[in-house]
C-alpha atoms as a PDB file:
ATOM      1  CA  MET A   1      34.340  83.418 106.633  1.00  0.00           C
ATOM      2  CA  THR A   2      32.544  82.076 103.578  1.00  0.00           C
ATOM      3  CA  LEU A   3      28.932  83.202 103.219  1.00  0.00           C
ATOM      4  CA  ILE A   4      26.213  80.717 102.328  1.00  0.00           C
ATOM      5  CA  GLN A   5      23.638  82.238 100.007  1.00  0.00           C
ATOM      6  CA  SER A   6      21.292  79.232  99.731  1.00  0.00           C
ATOM      7  CA  MET A   7      20.238  76.349 101.960  1.00  0.00           C
ATOM      8  CA  ASN A   8      21.318  74.032  99.118  1.00  0.00           C
ATOM      9  CA  GLU A   9      24.934  74.990  99.847  1.00  0.00           C
ATOM     10  CA  ILE A  10      24.787  73.294 103.262  1.00  0.00           C
ATOM     11  CA  PRO A  11      26.037  69.711 102.944  1.00  0.00           C
ATOM     12  CA  VAL A  12      24.727  66.635 104.732  1.00  0.00           C
ATOM     13  CA  PHE A  13      27.177  65.957 107.560  1.00  0.00           C
ATOM     14  CA  ALA A  14      28.492  62.508 108.458  1.00  0.00           C
ATOM     15  CA  SER A  15      29.114  63.514 112.071  1.00  0.00           C
ATOM     16  CA  GLU A  16      28.653  66.352 114.532  1.00  0.00           C
ATOM     17  CA  GLU A  17      32.415  66.916 114.423  1.00  0.00           C
ATOM     18  CA  GLU A  18      32.290  67.412 110.649  1.00  0.00           C
ATOM     19  CA  GLU A  19      29.408  69.864 111.057  1.00  0.00           C
ATOM     20  CA  HIS A  20      31.351  71.739 113.731  1.00  0.00           C
ATOM     21  CA  ARG A  21      34.375  72.099 111.427  1.00  0.00           C
ATOM     22  CA  PHE A  22      32.125  73.315 108.600  1.00  0.00           C
ATOM     23  CA  TRP A  23      30.495  76.060 110.672  1.00  0.00           C
ATOM     24  CA  GLN A  24      33.889  77.322 111.842  1.00  0.00           C
ATOM     25  CA  THR A  25      34.529  78.585 108.297  1.00  0.00           C
ATOM     26  CA  TYR A  26      31.010  79.206 106.917  1.00  0.00           C
ATOM     27  CA  GLU A  27      28.074  81.345 107.970  1.00  0.00           C
ATOM     28  CA  LEU A  28      24.642  82.201 106.600  1.00  0.00           C
ATOM     29  CA  ALA A  29      24.403  85.396 104.561  1.00  0.00           C
ATOM     30  CA  GLU A  30      22.176  88.098 106.054  1.00  0.00           C
ATOM     31  CA  GLU A  31      19.851  87.820 103.034  1.00  0.00           C
ATOM     32  CA  LEU A  32      19.379  84.100 103.713  1.00  0.00           C
ATOM     33  CA  TRP A  33      18.605  84.745 107.389  1.00  0.00           C
ATOM     34  CA  GLU A  34      15.876  87.179 106.310  1.00  0.00           C
ATOM     35  CA  THR A  35      14.181  84.515 104.150  1.00  0.00           C
ATOM     36  CA  LEU A  36      13.932  81.976 106.977  1.00  0.00           C
ATOM     37  CA  PRO A  37      10.544  81.710 108.720  1.00  0.00           C
ATOM     38  CA  THR A  38      10.150  82.836 112.302  1.00  0.00           C
ATOM     39  CA  ILE A  39       9.395  79.962 114.672  1.00  0.00           C
ATOM     40  CA  PRO A  40       6.425  80.685 116.955  1.00  0.00           C
ATOM     41  CA  LYS A  41       7.392  80.841 120.621  1.00  0.00           C
ATOM     42  CA  GLU A  42       5.103  77.934 121.538  1.00  0.00           C
ATOM     43  CA  GLU A  43       6.980  75.677 119.085  1.00  0.00           C
ATOM     44  CA  LEU A  44      10.394  76.383 120.626  1.00  0.00           C
ATOM     45  CA  PRO A  45      11.755  73.706 122.965  1.00  0.00           C
ATOM     46  CA  GLN A  46      11.202  74.306 126.666  1.00  0.00           C
ATOM     47  CA  PRO A  47      14.289  75.196 128.696  1.00  0.00           C
ATOM     48  CA  ARG A  48      15.692  72.211 130.563  1.00  0.00           C
ATOM     49  CA  THR A  49      16.698  74.267 133.564  1.00  0.00           C
ATOM     50  CA  LYS A  50      15.099  76.905 135.769  1.00  0.00           C
ATOM     51  CA  PRO A  51      16.901  79.848 137.322  1.00  0.00           C
ATOM     52  CA  VAL A  52      17.128  79.725 141.106  1.00  0.00           C
ATOM     53  CA  PRO A  53      18.381  82.700 143.111  1.00  0.00           C
ATOM     54  CA  VAL A  54      20.862  81.641 145.791  1.00  0.00           C
ATOM     55  CA  ARG A  55      22.722  83.788 148.330  1.00  0.00           C
ATOM     56  CA  PHE A  56      26.208  82.907 149.587  1.00  0.00           C
ATOM     57  CA  ASP A  57      28.334  84.423 152.297  1.00  0.00           C
ATOM     58  CA  GLU A  58      31.640  85.988 151.224  1.00  0.00           C
ATOM     59  CA  ASP A  59      33.778  82.985 152.212  1.00  0.00           C
ATOM     60  CA  VAL A  60      31.709  80.495 150.187  1.00  0.00           C
ATOM     61  CA  LEU A  61      31.584  82.852 147.212  1.00  0.00           C
ATOM     62  CA  ARG A  62      35.360  83.354 147.353  1.00  0.00           C
ATOM     63  CA  ARG A  63      35.878  79.570 147.370  1.00  0.00           C
ATOM     64  CA  VAL A  64      33.458  79.074 144.462  1.00  0.00           C
ATOM     65  CA  LYS A  65      35.272  81.766 142.464  1.00  0.00           C
ATOM     66  CA  ALA A  66      38.630  80.114 143.178  1.00  0.00           C
ATOM     67  CA  LEU A  67      37.345  76.678 142.152  1.00  0.00           C
ATOM     68  CA  ALA A  68      35.796  78.128 138.988  1.00  0.00           C
ATOM     69  CA  ALA A  69      39.071  79.844 138.072  1.00  0.00           C
ATOM     70  CA  LYS A  70      41.031  76.649 138.701  1.00  0.00           C
ATOM     71  CA  ARG A  71      38.664  74.667 136.437  1.00  0.00           C
ATOM     72  CA  HIS A  72      38.444  77.474 133.825  1.00  0.00           C
ATOM     73  CA  THR A  73      34.656  77.628 134.126  1.00  0.00           C
ATOM     74  CA  GLY A  74      32.140  80.204 135.246  1.00  0.00           C
ATOM     75  CA  ARG A  75      30.771  80.322 138.773  1.00  0.00           C
ATOM     76  CA  THR A  76      27.322  79.128 137.702  1.00  0.00           C
ATOM     77  CA  SER A  77      28.728  76.155 135.802  1.00  0.00           C
ATOM     78  CA  THR A  78      30.936  75.288 138.765  1.00  0.00           C
ATOM     79  CA  LEU A  79      27.991  75.409 141.171  1.00  0.00           C
ATOM     80  CA  ARG A  80      25.911  73.187 138.865  1.00  0.00           C
ATOM     81  CA  MET A  81      28.806  70.729 138.767  1.00  0.00           C
ATOM     82  CA  VAL A  82      29.032  70.684 142.585  1.00  0.00           C
ATOM     83  CA  VAL A  83      25.281  70.137 142.949  1.00  0.00           C
ATOM     84  CA  ARG A  84      25.352  67.288 140.385  1.00  0.00           C
ATOM     85  CA  TYR A  85      28.284  65.742 142.250  1.00  0.00           C
ATOM     86  CA  LEU A  86      26.357  65.898 145.528  1.00  0.00           C
ATOM     87  CA  LYS A  87      23.254  64.514 143.843  1.00  0.00           C
ATOM     88  CA  TYR A  88      25.057  61.371 142.718  1.00  0.00           C
ATOM     89  CA  GLN A  89      27.591  60.959 145.531  1.00  0.00           C
ATOM     90  CA  CYS A  90      25.483  61.905 148.520  1.00  0.00           C
ATOM     91  CA  ALA A  91      22.121  60.502 147.481  1.00  0.00           C
ATOM     92  CA  PRO A  92      22.619  57.897 144.742  1.00  0.00           C
ATOM     93  CA  GLY A  93      19.579  56.082 143.434  1.00  0.00           C
ATOM     94  CA  GLY A  94      17.219  58.914 144.313  1.00  0.00           C
ATOM     95  CA  ARG A  95      17.628  58.650 148.097  1.00  0.00           C
ATOM     96  CA  THR A  96      16.793  61.857 149.873  1.00  0.00           C
ATOM     97  CA  GLU A  97      18.675  61.331 153.121  1.00  0.00           C
ATOM     98  CA  CYS A  98      22.250  62.520 153.416  1.00  0.00           C
ATOM     99  CA  ASN A  99      24.697  62.914 156.277  1.00  0.00           C
ATOM    100  CA  TRP A 100      25.179  66.648 155.891  1.00  0.00           C
ATOM    101  CA  PRO A 101      27.768  68.331 158.089  1.00  0.00           C
ATOM    102  CA  ARG A 102      26.202  70.558 160.748  1.00  0.00           C
ATOM    103  CA  SER A 103      26.915  74.254 160.343  1.00  0.00           C
END
């Protein structure tokens, strides 16, 4: 890994892909990190998502784990994907009614 000692050593990138390749082989030196100003918490962007606790029975959790393993993703990412799928397939256009199966 090549250390960057000054912000002037960071080039202007033509694309996000070029920037990605650059940062795979370069990193900021610890001394440079220490010179950077701290961003106040109120200036940081707000999170786009909110955590929601959800409980699942063992069968559902086992199926989610299997689907996550098959897709090479985590359980949380898999559940978000399923909810997004339902959002657009079950209630497109913002409709709120859906023909849910009865449990």
